[in-house]
């Protein structure tokens, strides 16, 4: 059975939406993993003391 242009457009839109959602979820996962990577040259104890002093 042949598809009409409207039917082809709707399936393409769903594929694009799925790709965009996967990109966002992947970006969030990479961000969350990156928050656990220590930055060179930063003393974690001094940084914790700085944040505790601001409370």
N, C-alpha and C. Protein backbone atom coordinates (compact mmCIF):
# COMPACT_ATOMS: atom_id res chain seq x y z
N UNK A 1 0.84 -1.17 0.00
CA UNK A 1 0.00 0.00 0.00
C UNK A 1 0.89 1.24 0.00
N UNK A 2 0.52 2.19 -0.84
CA UNK A 2 1.30 3.41 -0.96
C UNK A 2 0.95 4.38 0.17
N UNK A 3 1.98 5.09 0.66
CA UNK A 3 1.76 6.08 1.71
C UNK A 3 1.48 7.44 1.09
N UNK A 4 0.62 8.17 1.73
CA UNK A 4 0.36 9.54 1.30
C UNK A 4 1.45 10.44 1.87
N UNK A 5 1.64 11.63 1.32
CA UNK A 5 2.65 12.55 1.87
C UNK A 5 2.41 12.88 3.34
N UNK A 6 1.15 12.96 3.75
CA UNK A 6 0.85 13.27 5.16
C UNK A 6 1.31 12.13 6.07
N UNK A 7 1.14 10.89 5.61
CA UNK A 7 1.56 9.75 6.42
C UNK A 7 3.09 9.69 6.51
N UNK A 8 3.78 9.97 5.45
CA UNK A 8 5.23 9.96 5.48
C UNK A 8 5.77 11.06 6.39
N UNK A 9 5.14 12.21 6.38
CA UNK A 9 5.58 13.33 7.21
C UNK A 9 5.41 13.05 8.69
N UNK A 10 4.34 12.36 9.06
CA UNK A 10 4.12 12.10 10.48
C UNK A 10 5.13 11.09 11.02
N UNK A 11 5.50 10.10 10.23
CA UNK A 11 6.48 9.13 10.72
C UNK A 11 7.87 9.75 10.78
N UNK A 12 8.16 10.67 9.89
CA UNK A 12 9.44 11.38 9.94
C UNK A 12 9.53 12.28 11.14
N UNK A 13 8.41 12.88 11.52
CA UNK A 13 8.38 13.75 12.70
C UNK A 13 8.63 12.97 13.97
N UNK A 14 8.09 11.76 14.03
CA UNK A 14 8.31 10.93 15.22
C UNK A 14 9.76 10.49 15.33
N UNK A 15 10.37 10.19 14.21
CA UNK A 15 11.78 9.80 14.22
C UNK A 15 12.65 10.97 14.67
N UNK A 16 12.33 12.17 14.21
CA UNK A 16 13.10 13.34 14.61
C UNK A 16 12.91 13.62 16.10
N UNK A 17 11.69 13.48 16.59
CA UNK A 17 11.43 13.69 18.02
C UNK A 17 12.19 12.67 18.86
N UNK A 18 12.20 11.42 18.42
CA UNK A 18 12.92 10.37 19.14
C UNK A 18 14.42 10.69 19.16
N UNK A 19 14.96 11.13 18.04
CA UNK A 19 16.38 11.48 17.98
C UNK A 19 16.71 12.65 18.90
N UNK A 20 15.84 13.64 18.94
CA UNK A 20 16.07 14.80 19.80
C UNK A 20 16.01 14.40 21.27
N UNK A 21 15.05 13.56 21.63
CA UNK A 21 14.94 13.11 23.02
C UNK A 21 16.14 12.27 23.43
N UNK A 22 16.60 11.41 22.54
CA UNK A 22 17.79 10.61 22.84
C UNK A 22 19.01 11.50 23.01
N UNK A 23 19.11 12.54 22.22
CA UNK A 23 20.23 13.48 22.35
C UNK A 23 20.20 14.17 23.70
N UNK A 24 19.02 14.62 24.12
CA UNK A 24 18.89 15.32 25.41
C UNK A 24 19.23 14.38 26.56
N UNK A 25 18.70 13.16 26.52
CA UNK A 25 18.97 12.19 27.58
C UNK A 25 20.46 11.85 27.61
N UNK A 26 21.06 11.66 26.45
CA UNK A 26 22.49 11.38 26.39
C UNK A 26 23.32 12.53 26.93
N UNK A 27 22.93 13.75 26.60
CA UNK A 27 23.65 14.93 27.09
C UNK A 27 23.57 15.02 28.61
N UNK A 28 22.39 14.75 29.17
CA UNK A 28 22.23 14.78 30.62
C UNK A 28 23.07 13.70 31.30
N UNK A 29 23.14 12.52 30.70
CA UNK A 29 23.97 11.45 31.26
C UNK A 29 25.45 11.83 31.25
N UNK A 30 25.90 12.40 30.16
CA UNK A 30 27.30 12.83 30.07
C UNK A 30 27.59 13.93 31.10
N UNK A 31 26.65 14.85 31.28
CA UNK A 31 26.81 15.91 32.27
C UNK A 31 26.91 15.32 33.68
N UNK A 32 26.03 14.37 33.99
CA UNK A 32 26.04 13.76 35.33
C UNK A 32 27.34 13.00 35.59
N UNK A 33 27.84 12.31 34.61
CA UNK A 33 29.11 11.59 34.77
C UNK A 33 30.25 12.60 34.93
N UNK A 34 30.20 13.69 34.19
CA UNK A 34 31.24 14.70 34.26
C UNK A 34 31.31 15.42 35.59
N UNK A 35 30.21 15.46 36.34
CA UNK A 35 30.24 16.12 37.64
C UNK A 35 31.07 15.35 38.66
N UNK A 36 31.33 14.08 38.40
CA UNK A 36 32.10 13.26 39.33
C UNK A 36 33.59 13.22 38.98
N UNK A 37 33.98 13.86 37.91
CA UNK A 37 35.39 13.89 37.50
C UNK A 37 36.06 15.07 38.20
N UNK A 38 37.10 14.82 38.99
CA UNK A 38 37.74 15.93 39.70
C UNK A 38 38.50 16.86 38.75
N UNK A 39 38.53 18.13 39.10
CA UNK A 39 39.23 19.13 38.30
C UNK A 39 40.65 19.26 38.84
N UNK A 40 41.67 19.16 37.99
CA UNK A 40 43.05 19.28 38.48
C UNK A 40 43.32 20.67 39.06
N UNK A 41 44.06 20.70 40.16
CA UNK A 41 44.44 21.97 40.77
C UNK A 41 43.45 22.49 41.78
N UNK A 42 42.35 21.79 42.01
CA UNK A 42 41.34 22.22 42.98
C UNK A 42 41.45 21.32 44.21
N UNK A 43 41.58 21.93 45.37
CA UNK A 43 41.64 21.19 46.63
C UNK A 43 40.21 20.93 47.10
N UNK A 44 39.75 19.68 47.11
CA UNK A 44 38.36 19.39 47.48
C UNK A 44 38.03 19.80 48.91
N UNK A 45 38.99 19.66 49.83
CA UNK A 45 38.72 20.04 51.23
C UNK A 45 38.55 21.56 51.36
N UNK A 46 39.38 22.32 50.65
CA UNK A 46 39.27 23.77 50.70
C UNK A 46 37.96 24.23 50.06
N UNK A 47 37.55 23.58 48.99
CA UNK A 47 36.29 23.93 48.34
C UNK A 47 35.11 23.62 49.24
N UNK A 48 35.16 22.48 49.93
CA UNK A 48 34.09 22.12 50.87
C UNK A 48 34.04 23.11 52.02
N UNK A 49 35.21 23.53 52.52
CA UNK A 49 35.25 24.51 53.60
C UNK A 49 34.68 25.85 53.14
N UNK A 50 34.95 26.24 51.91
CA UNK A 50 34.41 27.49 51.37
C UNK A 50 32.89 27.46 51.34
N UNK A 51 32.33 26.35 50.86
CA UNK A 51 30.87 26.25 50.79
C UNK A 51 30.25 26.15 52.18
N UNK A 52 30.94 25.49 53.11
CA UNK A 52 30.42 25.41 54.48
C UNK A 52 30.44 26.78 55.15
N UNK A 53 31.43 27.60 54.83
CA UNK A 53 31.53 28.93 55.43
C UNK A 53 30.42 29.86 54.93
N UNK A 54 29.85 29.57 53.78
CA UNK A 54 28.80 30.43 53.21
C UNK A 54 27.43 30.14 53.80
N UNK A 55 27.31 29.06 54.53
CA UNK A 55 25.98 28.71 55.11
C UNK A 55 25.64 29.57 56.28
